[in-house]
Amino acid sequence: MKLFDPTDTTHTLQIIPRNYVSSATMILRNELRQTETTHSLTCTNTNGYLTAEFTQNMTEGQSFEIEVYDTFNNLLYRGKAYATTNI
C-alpha cells in the first residue's frame, strides 16, 4: 500500500514494476466515488525502483486503486493507496 499526504498536491510514486520504462500511464481509481483519473508519468529508474511524480488533490481518508501501464498498455504495477497525514 502506498501512502500519500493529502496536504500536498504533488505526490511521488515509488514502485517495483514488472518492467522498467521511461514513460508510463497511471490510472488512479477512487474506491469510494468510483471515479478514475489518468496521469502521464515521466519515470526514473534508480536502485530497482521506478519513481514518478504526479499532481492530484486528495482528501484525508480517501482510498485508491493504482494501475500503471507502459506505452504498449502492458500492466507494470497494480496496488492500493491511501491519503493520510499520518505518514
N, C-alpha and C. Protein backbone atom coordinates (compact mmCIF):
# COMPACT_ATOMS: atom_id res chain seq x y z
N MET A 1 0.85 -1.17 0.00
CA MET A 1 0.00 0.00 0.00
C MET A 1 0.89 1.24 0.00
N LYS A 2 0.54 2.18 -0.83
CA LYS A 2 1.25 3.45 -0.93
C LYS A 2 0.48 4.49 -0.11
N LEU A 3 1.21 5.35 0.57
CA LEU A 3 0.61 6.43 1.35
C LEU A 3 0.94 7.76 0.72
N PHE A 4 -0.07 8.62 0.59
CA PHE A 4 0.11 9.95 0.04
C PHE A 4 -0.40 10.98 1.04
N ASP A 5 0.30 12.12 1.13
CA ASP A 5 -0.07 13.20 2.04
C ASP A 5 -1.12 14.09 1.37
N PRO A 6 -2.34 14.16 1.91
CA PRO A 6 -3.38 14.96 1.27
C PRO A 6 -3.16 16.46 1.37
N THR A 7 -2.20 16.91 2.21
CA THR A 7 -1.92 18.35 2.30
C THR A 7 -1.05 18.83 1.15
N ASP A 8 -0.45 17.90 0.40
CA ASP A 8 0.34 18.24 -0.78
C ASP A 8 -0.47 17.93 -2.04
N THR A 9 -0.18 18.63 -3.12
CA THR A 9 -0.83 18.30 -4.39
C THR A 9 0.11 17.53 -5.31
N THR A 10 1.43 17.62 -5.06
CA THR A 10 2.40 16.86 -5.84
C THR A 10 2.83 15.65 -5.02
N HIS A 11 2.70 14.48 -5.63
CA HIS A 11 2.98 13.22 -4.93
C HIS A 11 4.04 12.44 -5.70
N THR A 12 4.82 11.64 -4.99
CA THR A 12 5.83 10.79 -5.59
C THR A 12 5.40 9.34 -5.46
N LEU A 13 5.36 8.67 -6.60
CA LEU A 13 5.05 7.25 -6.64
C LEU A 13 6.36 6.50 -6.81
N GLN A 14 6.64 5.59 -5.89
CA GLN A 14 7.86 4.77 -5.98
C GLN A 14 7.44 3.31 -5.89
N ILE A 15 7.69 2.56 -6.97
CA ILE A 15 7.23 1.18 -7.06
C ILE A 15 8.33 0.27 -7.60
N ILE A 16 8.14 -1.01 -7.43
CA ILE A 16 8.98 -2.01 -8.10
C ILE A 16 8.11 -2.58 -9.22
N PRO A 17 8.35 -2.16 -10.47
CA PRO A 17 7.48 -2.57 -11.58
C PRO A 17 7.89 -3.92 -12.16
N ARG A 18 7.04 -4.43 -13.03
CA ARG A 18 7.36 -5.68 -13.74
C ARG A 18 8.44 -5.46 -14.78
N ASN A 19 8.48 -4.27 -15.39
CA ASN A 19 9.50 -3.86 -16.35
C ASN A 19 9.83 -2.40 -16.08
N TYR A 20 11.03 -1.99 -16.47
CA TYR A 20 11.43 -0.60 -16.27
C TYR A 20 11.26 0.18 -17.56
N VAL A 21 10.63 1.37 -17.46
CA VAL A 21 10.33 2.21 -18.61
C VAL A 21 10.66 3.66 -18.27
N SER A 22 10.70 4.51 -19.29
CA SER A 22 10.95 5.92 -19.05
C SER A 22 9.67 6.75 -19.04
N SER A 23 8.59 6.18 -19.58
CA SER A 23 7.28 6.86 -19.51
C SER A 23 6.20 5.81 -19.31
N ALA A 24 5.14 6.23 -18.63
CA ALA A 24 4.05 5.31 -18.31
C ALA A 24 2.77 6.09 -18.11
N THR A 25 1.68 5.35 -17.98
CA THR A 25 0.37 5.92 -17.69
C THR A 25 -0.14 5.31 -16.39
N MET A 26 -0.60 6.16 -15.48
CA MET A 26 -1.14 5.68 -14.21
C MET A 26 -2.63 5.98 -14.15
N ILE A 27 -3.40 5.00 -13.76
CA ILE A 27 -4.83 5.19 -13.51
C ILE A 27 -5.02 5.13 -12.00
N LEU A 28 -5.55 6.21 -11.46
CA LEU A 28 -5.82 6.31 -10.03
C LEU A 28 -7.34 6.28 -9.86
N ARG A 29 -7.83 5.20 -9.26
CA ARG A 29 -9.28 4.98 -9.13
C ARG A 29 -9.69 5.20 -7.67
N ASN A 30 -10.57 6.20 -7.45
CA ASN A 30 -11.09 6.47 -6.12
C ASN A 30 -12.10 5.37 -5.77
N GLU A 31 -11.83 4.61 -4.73
CA GLU A 31 -12.66 3.45 -4.41
C GLU A 31 -14.05 3.84 -3.89
N LEU A 32 -14.16 4.96 -3.20
CA LEU A 32 -15.46 5.38 -2.66
C LEU A 32 -16.34 6.01 -3.73
N ARG A 33 -15.78 6.91 -4.50
CA ARG A 33 -16.56 7.63 -5.51
C ARG A 33 -16.67 6.91 -6.84
N GLN A 34 -15.84 5.87 -7.03
CA GLN A 34 -15.81 5.12 -8.29
C GLN A 34 -15.47 6.03 -9.47
N THR A 35 -14.50 6.93 -9.26
CA THR A 35 -14.04 7.81 -10.32
C THR A 35 -12.58 7.48 -10.64
N GLU A 36 -12.17 7.77 -11.87
CA GLU A 36 -10.81 7.50 -12.32
C GLU A 36 -10.13 8.78 -12.78
N THR A 37 -8.84 8.88 -12.49
CA THR A 37 -8.01 9.95 -13.00
C THR A 37 -6.80 9.31 -13.68
N THR A 38 -6.50 9.75 -14.89
CA THR A 38 -5.37 9.21 -15.63
C THR A 38 -4.24 10.23 -15.65
N HIS A 39 -3.03 9.76 -15.34
CA HIS A 39 -1.85 10.62 -15.30
C HIS A 39 -0.78 10.06 -16.24
N SER A 40 -0.17 10.93 -17.04
CA SER A 40 1.00 10.56 -17.83
C SER A 40 2.22 10.78 -16.96
N LEU A 41 3.07 9.76 -16.85
CA LEU A 41 4.21 9.81 -15.95
C LEU A 41 5.53 9.80 -16.72
N THR A 42 6.45 10.62 -16.28
CA THR A 42 7.84 10.53 -16.72
C THR A 42 8.60 9.85 -15.59
N CYS A 43 9.21 8.72 -15.89
CA CYS A 43 9.75 7.85 -14.85
C CYS A 43 11.28 7.86 -14.82
N THR A 44 11.80 7.65 -13.64
CA THR A 44 13.23 7.41 -13.46
C THR A 44 13.38 6.05 -12.78
N ASN A 45 14.44 5.36 -13.13
CA ASN A 45 14.71 4.04 -12.58
C ASN A 45 16.00 4.11 -11.77
N THR A 46 15.87 3.95 -10.44
CA THR A 46 17.02 4.05 -9.56
C THR A 46 16.98 2.94 -8.52
N ASN A 47 18.07 2.20 -8.41
CA ASN A 47 18.22 1.16 -7.40
C ASN A 47 17.06 0.16 -7.38
N GLY A 48 16.55 -0.18 -8.55
CA GLY A 48 15.48 -1.16 -8.63
C GLY A 48 14.08 -0.60 -8.48
N TYR A 49 13.96 0.69 -8.29
CA TYR A 49 12.65 1.32 -8.14
C TYR A 49 12.34 2.22 -9.32
N LEU A 50 11.09 2.26 -9.70
CA LEU A 50 10.60 3.20 -10.70
C LEU A 50 9.96 4.34 -9.91
N THR A 51 10.38 5.56 -10.17
CA THR A 51 9.89 6.73 -9.44
C THR A 51 9.29 7.72 -10.42
N ALA A 52 8.15 8.28 -10.04
CA ALA A 52 7.49 9.30 -10.87
C ALA A 52 6.69 10.23 -9.97
N GLU A 53 6.56 11.47 -10.40
CA GLU A 53 5.75 12.45 -9.68
C GLU A 53 4.47 12.72 -10.46
N PHE A 54 3.40 13.00 -9.72
CA PHE A 54 2.13 13.36 -10.33
C PHE A 54 1.42 14.36 -9.43
N THR A 55 0.46 15.09 -10.01
CA THR A 55 -0.30 16.09 -9.26
C THR A 55 -1.74 15.62 -9.12
N GLN A 56 -2.23 15.63 -7.88
CA GLN A 56 -3.59 15.16 -7.61
C GLN A 56 -4.04 15.76 -6.28
N ASN A 57 -5.23 16.34 -6.25
CA ASN A 57 -5.82 16.79 -5.00
C ASN A 57 -6.44 15.59 -4.30
N MET A 58 -6.12 15.43 -3.02
CA MET A 58 -6.64 14.31 -2.24
C MET A 58 -7.20 14.82 -0.93
N THR A 59 -8.08 14.04 -0.34
CA THR A 59 -8.69 14.36 0.94
C THR A 59 -8.31 13.28 1.94
N GLU A 60 -8.11 13.67 3.17
CA GLU A 60 -7.78 12.72 4.24
C GLU A 60 -8.78 11.56 4.24
N GLY A 61 -8.24 10.35 4.27
CA GLY A 61 -9.08 9.16 4.36
C GLY A 61 -9.48 8.54 3.02
N GLN A 62 -9.15 9.18 1.92
CA GLN A 62 -9.50 8.61 0.61
C GLN A 62 -8.65 7.37 0.35
N SER A 63 -9.26 6.38 -0.30
CA SER A 63 -8.50 5.19 -0.70
C SER A 63 -8.60 5.04 -2.21
N PHE A 64 -7.53 4.52 -2.80
CA PHE A 64 -7.41 4.43 -4.24
C PHE A 64 -6.88 3.07 -4.67
N GLU A 65 -7.20 2.70 -5.89
CA GLU A 65 -6.55 1.60 -6.58
C GLU A 65 -5.61 2.26 -7.59
N ILE A 66 -4.40 1.71 -7.73
CA ILE A 66 -3.41 2.24 -8.67
C ILE A 66 -3.11 1.18 -9.71
N GLU A 67 -3.10 1.59 -10.97
CA GLU A 67 -2.63 0.74 -12.06
C GLU A 67 -1.67 1.56 -12.91
N VAL A 68 -0.50 1.00 -13.21
CA VAL A 68 0.48 1.68 -14.04
C VAL A 68 0.74 0.81 -15.27
N TYR A 69 0.66 1.44 -16.44
CA TYR A 69 0.84 0.74 -17.72
C TYR A 69 1.97 1.38 -18.51
N ASP A 70 2.66 0.57 -19.32
CA ASP A 70 3.67 1.12 -20.21
C ASP A 70 2.99 1.66 -21.47
N THR A 71 3.78 2.13 -22.44
CA THR A 71 3.22 2.73 -23.65
C THR A 71 2.52 1.72 -24.56
N PHE A 72 2.77 0.42 -24.31
CA PHE A 72 2.11 -0.63 -25.09
C PHE A 72 0.91 -1.21 -24.35
N ASN A 73 0.50 -0.53 -23.27
CA ASN A 73 -0.66 -0.91 -22.45
C ASN A 73 -0.43 -2.22 -21.68
N ASN A 74 0.84 -2.55 -21.40
CA ASN A 74 1.16 -3.70 -20.55
C ASN A 74 1.18 -3.26 -19.10
N LEU A 75 0.55 -4.03 -18.24
CA LEU A 75 0.49 -3.69 -16.83
C LEU A 75 1.88 -3.80 -16.19
N LEU A 76 2.31 -2.72 -15.54
CA LEU A 76 3.59 -2.69 -14.84
C LEU A 76 3.42 -2.85 -13.34
N TYR A 77 2.32 -2.35 -12.80
CA TYR A 77 2.11 -2.37 -11.36
C TYR A 77 0.62 -2.22 -11.07
N ARG A 78 0.19 -2.90 -10.01
CA ARG A 78 -1.19 -2.75 -9.52
C ARG A 78 -1.11 -2.77 -8.00
N GLY A 79 -1.78 -1.81 -7.35
CA GLY A 79 -1.74 -1.76 -5.89
C GLY A 79 -2.80 -0.83 -5.34
N LYS A 80 -2.69 -0.56 -4.06
CA LYS A 80 -3.63 0.30 -3.35
C LYS A 80 -2.89 1.50 -2.80
N ALA A 81 -3.64 2.57 -2.53
CA ALA A 81 -3.07 3.79 -1.94
C ALA A 81 -4.09 4.38 -0.97
N TYR A 82 -3.57 5.15 -0.01
CA TYR A 82 -4.41 5.77 0.99
C TYR A 82 -3.87 7.17 1.26
N ALA A 83 -4.77 8.15 1.39
CA ALA A 83 -4.39 9.52 1.67
C ALA A 83 -4.48 9.76 3.17
N THR A 84 -3.36 10.08 3.80
CA THR A 84 -3.34 10.34 5.24
C THR A 84 -2.18 11.27 5.59
N THR A 85 -2.38 12.05 6.61
CA THR A 85 -1.30 12.91 7.11
C THR A 85 -0.44 12.17 8.13
N ASN A 86 -0.85 10.97 8.50
CA ASN A 86 -0.10 10.17 9.49
C ASN A 86 0.93 9.28 8.79
N ILE A 87 1.86 9.92 8.11
CA ILE A 87 2.87 9.15 7.37
C ILE A 87 4.10 8.99 8.23
